[in-house]
C-alpha atoms as a PDB file:
ATOM      1  CA  UNK A   1       5.226  -1.414 -14.433  1.00  0.00           C
ATOM      2  CA  UNK A   2       1.741  -2.107 -12.960  1.00  0.00           C
ATOM      3  CA  UNK A   3       2.123  -5.895 -12.842  1.00  0.00           C
ATOM      4  CA  UNK A   4       5.332  -5.249 -11.100  1.00  0.00           C
ATOM      5  CA  UNK A   5       3.811  -2.937  -8.619  1.00  0.00           C
ATOM      6  CA  UNK A   6       1.087  -5.333  -7.852  1.00  0.00           C
ATOM      7  CA  UNK A   7       3.622  -8.183  -7.259  1.00  0.00           C
ATOM      8  CA  UNK A   8       5.587  -6.057  -5.219  1.00  0.00           C
ATOM      9  CA  UNK A   9       2.853  -5.223  -2.957  1.00  0.00           C
ATOM     10  CA  UNK A  10       1.507  -8.681  -2.649  1.00  0.00           C
ATOM     11  CA  UNK A  11       5.078 -10.003  -2.103  1.00  0.00           C
ATOM     12  CA  UNK A  12       5.757  -7.687   0.876  1.00  0.00           C
ATOM     13  CA  UNK A  13       2.196  -8.582   2.280  1.00  0.00           C
ATOM     14  CA  UNK A  14       3.038 -12.527   1.673  1.00  0.00           C
ATOM     15  CA  UNK A  15       6.485 -11.980   3.229  1.00  0.00           C
ATOM     16  CA  UNK A  16       5.050 -10.004   6.454  1.00  0.00           C
ATOM     17  CA  UNK A  17       2.441 -12.747   6.837  1.00  0.00           C
ATOM     18  CA  UNK A  18       4.923 -15.348   6.494  1.00  0.00           C
ATOM     19  CA  UNK A  19       7.440 -13.956   9.012  1.00  0.00           C
ATOM     20  CA  UNK A  20       4.622 -13.739  11.573  1.00  0.00           C
ATOM     21  CA  UNK A  21       3.335 -17.158  10.926  1.00  0.00           C
ATOM     22  CA  UNK A  22       6.699 -18.745  10.869  1.00  0.00           C
ATOM     23  CA  UNK A  23       6.056 -20.050   7.405  1.00  0.00           C
ATOM     24  CA  UNK A  24       9.861 -19.962   6.564  1.00  0.00           C
ATOM     25  CA  UNK A  25       9.507 -21.583   3.269  1.00  0.00           C
ATOM     26  CA  UNK A  26       7.213 -19.155   1.889  1.00  0.00           C
ATOM     27  CA  UNK A  27       9.253 -16.184   3.628  1.00  0.00           C
ATOM     28  CA  UNK A  28      12.162 -17.330   1.590  1.00  0.00           C
ATOM     29  CA  UNK A  29      10.347 -17.243  -1.620  1.00  0.00           C
ATOM     30  CA  UNK A  30       8.812 -14.142  -0.973  1.00  0.00           C
ATOM     31  CA  UNK A  31      12.291 -12.520  -0.179  1.00  0.00           C
ATOM     32  CA  UNK A  32      13.724 -14.143  -3.501  1.00  0.00           C
ATOM     33  CA  UNK A  33      11.194 -13.564  -5.985  1.00  0.00           C
ATOM     34  CA  UNK A  34      11.675 -10.105  -6.527  1.00  0.00           C
ATOM     35  CA  UNK A  35      14.526 -11.006  -8.619  1.00  0.00           C
ATOM     36  CA  UNK A  36      12.788 -12.778 -11.450  1.00  0.00           C
ATOM     37  CA  UNK A  37       9.874 -10.104 -10.964  1.00  0.00           C
ATOM     38  CA  UNK A  38      12.340  -7.517 -11.850  1.00  0.00           C
ATOM     39  CA  UNK A  39      12.298  -8.768 -15.315  1.00  0.00           C
ATOM     40  CA  UNK A  40       8.968  -6.939 -15.723  1.00  0.00           C
ATOM     41  CA  UNK A  41      11.057  -3.796 -15.955  1.00  0.00           C
ATOM     42  CA  UNK A  42      12.870  -5.080 -19.276  1.00  0.00           C
ATOM     43  CA  UNK A  43      16.027  -3.573 -19.884  1.00  0.00           C
ATOM     44  CA  UNK A  44      16.071  -1.808 -16.353  1.00  0.00           C
ATOM     45  CA  UNK A  45      15.695  -4.873 -14.446  1.00  0.00           C
ATOM     46  CA  UNK A  46      18.483  -3.790 -12.185  1.00  0.00           C
ATOM     47  CA  UNK A  47      16.348  -1.021 -10.933  1.00  0.00           C
ATOM     48  CA  UNK A  48      13.661  -3.432 -10.525  1.00  0.00           C
ATOM     49  CA  UNK A  49      15.640  -5.251  -8.030  1.00  0.00           C
ATOM     50  CA  UNK A  50      16.839  -2.043  -6.292  1.00  0.00           C
ATOM     51  CA  UNK A  51      13.361  -0.702  -5.824  1.00  0.00           C
ATOM     52  CA  UNK A  52      11.916  -4.020  -4.817  1.00  0.00           C
ATOM     53  CA  UNK A  53      14.527  -4.355  -1.681  1.00  0.00           C
ATOM     54  CA  UNK A  54      14.849  -0.751  -0.965  1.00  0.00           C
ATOM     55  CA  UNK A  55      11.802   1.175  -2.220  1.00  0.00           C
ATOM     56  CA  UNK A  56       8.719  -0.704  -1.705  1.00  0.00           C
ATOM     57  CA  UNK A  57       9.274  -1.413   2.133  1.00  0.00           C
ATOM     58  CA  UNK A  58      10.092   2.325   2.880  1.00  0.00           C
ATOM     59  CA  UNK A  59       7.021   3.593   0.667  1.00  0.00           C
ATOM     60  CA  UNK A  60       4.651   0.794   1.707  1.00  0.00           C
ATOM     61  CA  UNK A  61       5.035   1.239   5.587  1.00  0.00           C
ATOM     62  CA  UNK A  62       4.319   5.001   5.742  1.00  0.00           C
ATOM     63  CA  UNK A  63       1.396   4.365   3.540  1.00  0.00           C
ATOM     64  CA  UNK A  64      -0.019   1.989   5.529  1.00  0.00           C
ATOM     65  CA  UNK A  65       0.602   4.022   8.834  1.00  0.00           C
ATOM     66  CA  UNK A  66      -1.293   6.717   7.302  1.00  0.00           C
ATOM     67  CA  UNK A  67      -4.461   4.983   6.601  1.00  0.00           C
ATOM     68  CA  UNK A  68      -5.897   5.225  10.350  1.00  0.00           C
ATOM     69  CA  UNK A  69      -5.250   9.100  10.406  1.00  0.00           C
ATOM     70  CA  UNK A  70      -7.246   9.293   6.693  1.00  0.00           C
ATOM     71  CA  UNK A  71     -10.130   7.750   8.466  1.00  0.00           C
ATOM     72  CA  UNK A  72      -9.775   9.975  11.761  1.00  0.00           C
ATOM     73  CA  UNK A  73      -9.693  13.087   9.675  1.00  0.00           C
ATOM     74  CA  UNK A  74     -12.669  11.898   7.568  1.00  0.00           C
ATOM     75  CA  UNK A  75     -14.828  11.322  10.527  1.00  0.00           C
ATOM     76  CA  UNK A  76     -13.684  14.422  12.176  1.00  0.00           C
ATOM     77  CA  UNK A  77     -14.637  16.451   9.178  1.00  0.00           C
ATOM     78  CA  UNK A  78     -18.246  14.358   8.931  1.00  0.00           C
ATOM     79  CA  UNK A  79     -18.724  15.329  12.665  1.00  0.00           C
ATOM     80  CA  UNK A  80     -17.661  19.081  12.076  1.00  0.00           C
ATOM     81  CA  UNK A  81     -19.990  19.494   9.183  1.00  0.00           C
ATOM     82  CA  UNK A  82     -22.664  17.732  11.041  1.00  0.00           C
ATOM     83  CA  UNK A  83     -22.161  19.919  14.240  1.00  0.00           C
ATOM     84  CA  UNK A  84     -22.070  23.141  12.048  1.00  0.00           C
ATOM     85  CA  UNK A  85     -25.059  22.126  10.007  1.00  0.00           C
ATOM     86  CA  UNK A  86     -23.757  21.793   6.363  1.00  0.00           C
ATOM     87  CA  UNK A  87     -23.942  18.702   4.274  1.00  0.00           C
ATOM     88  CA  UNK A  88     -20.650  16.678   3.756  1.00  0.00           C
ATOM     89  CA  UNK A  89     -19.709  14.826   0.675  1.00  0.00           C
ATOM     90  CA  UNK A  90     -18.616  15.424  -2.695  1.00  0.00           C
ATOM     91  CA  UNK A  91     -21.742  17.390  -3.643  1.00  0.00           C
ATOM     92  CA  UNK A  92     -23.667  19.319  -1.391  1.00  0.00           C
ATOM     93  CA  UNK A  93     -27.304  19.834  -2.633  1.00  0.00           C
ATOM     94  CA  UNK A  94     -29.608  22.672  -1.865  1.00  0.00           C
ATOM     95  CA  UNK A  95     -32.750  20.709  -2.953  1.00  0.00           C
ATOM     96  CA  UNK A  96     -35.192  20.003  -0.179  1.00  0.00           C
END
């Protein structure tokens, strides 16, 4: 399942890159390759095809759109911590 997930994410990225750069043969290959890659699901290969064409694009796009906001909130947290005068990070130490 992990190999399929890696293949799906790479495939969506390659498809996007191919469509943006106009490399149509690569775009067709990236659009067709989820069918043989679904064999990594074993007996549930049909579910692999469905999730490749339906699930991955709907899950990947919102995840990628969330990344800038995560960086924004991390910066906001660090700035607030510095303004208040507390240490930020996973472990705040009182050793001085």
